[in-house]
C-alpha atoms as a PDB file:
ATOM      1  CA  MET A   1       6.397  -2.594  -3.332  1.00  0.00           C
ATOM      2  CA  ASP A   2       3.883  -4.139  -4.720  1.00  0.00           C
ATOM      3  CA  THR A   3       3.399  -6.793  -2.393  1.00  0.00           C
ATOM      4  CA  THR A   4       1.370  -5.033   0.081  1.00  0.00           C
ATOM      5  CA  ILE A   5      -0.700  -3.672  -2.630  1.00  0.00           C
ATOM      6  CA  TYR A   6      -2.645  -7.022  -2.410  1.00  0.00           C
ATOM      7  CA  ASP A   7      -4.075  -5.474   0.994  1.00  0.00           C
ATOM      8  CA  PRO A   8      -7.412  -3.733  -0.268  1.00  0.00           C
ATOM      9  CA  ALA A   9      -6.720  -0.972   2.273  1.00  0.00           C
ATOM     10  CA  TYR A  10      -3.290   0.009   1.822  1.00  0.00           C
ATOM     11  CA  LYS A  11      -4.374  -0.583  -2.542  1.00  0.00           C
ATOM     12  CA  LYS A  12      -7.046   1.739  -2.127  1.00  0.00           C
ATOM     13  CA  TYR A  13      -4.339   5.139  -0.692  1.00  0.00           C
ATOM     14  CA  PHE A  14      -1.913   3.904  -2.982  1.00  0.00           C
ATOM     15  CA  GLU A  15      -4.354   4.013  -5.882  1.00  0.00           C
ATOM     16  CA  LYS A  16      -5.121   8.172  -4.081  1.00  0.00           C
ATOM     17  CA  ARG A  17      -2.504   8.615  -3.315  1.00  0.00           C
ATOM     18  CA  GLU A  18      -0.354   7.470  -7.130  1.00  0.00           C
ATOM     19  CA  PRO A  19      -0.406  10.808  -9.020  1.00  0.00           C
ATOM     20  CA  THR A  20       1.868  11.757  -6.099  1.00  0.00           C
ATOM     21  CA  GLN A  21       4.206   8.804  -6.502  1.00  0.00           C
ATOM     22  CA  LYS A  22       4.431   8.979  -9.771  1.00  0.00           C
ATOM     23  CA  LYS A  23       5.284  13.001  -8.826  1.00  0.00           C
ATOM     24  CA  LEU A  24       8.204  11.579  -6.721  1.00  0.00           C
ATOM     25  CA  ILE A  25       9.435   8.989  -8.353  1.00  0.00           C
ATOM     26  CA  THR A  26       9.754  11.309 -11.668  1.00  0.00           C
ATOM     27  CA  CYS A  27      12.053  14.000  -9.832  1.00  0.00           C
ATOM     28  CA  ALA A  28      13.672  10.781  -7.901  1.00  0.00           C
ATOM     29  CA  LEU A  29      14.660   9.534 -11.213  1.00  0.00           C
ATOM     30  CA  VAL A  30      16.094  13.744 -12.719  1.00  0.00           C
ATOM     31  CA  SER A  31      17.382  14.555  -9.744  1.00  0.00           C
END
């Protein structure tokens, strides 16, 4: 997952979506 973050455009997109990603990851871990 962290290999693609080196792409600047993807990094920008990922940083924008980071709160959503963390929420999804948290939900996945909880369930």
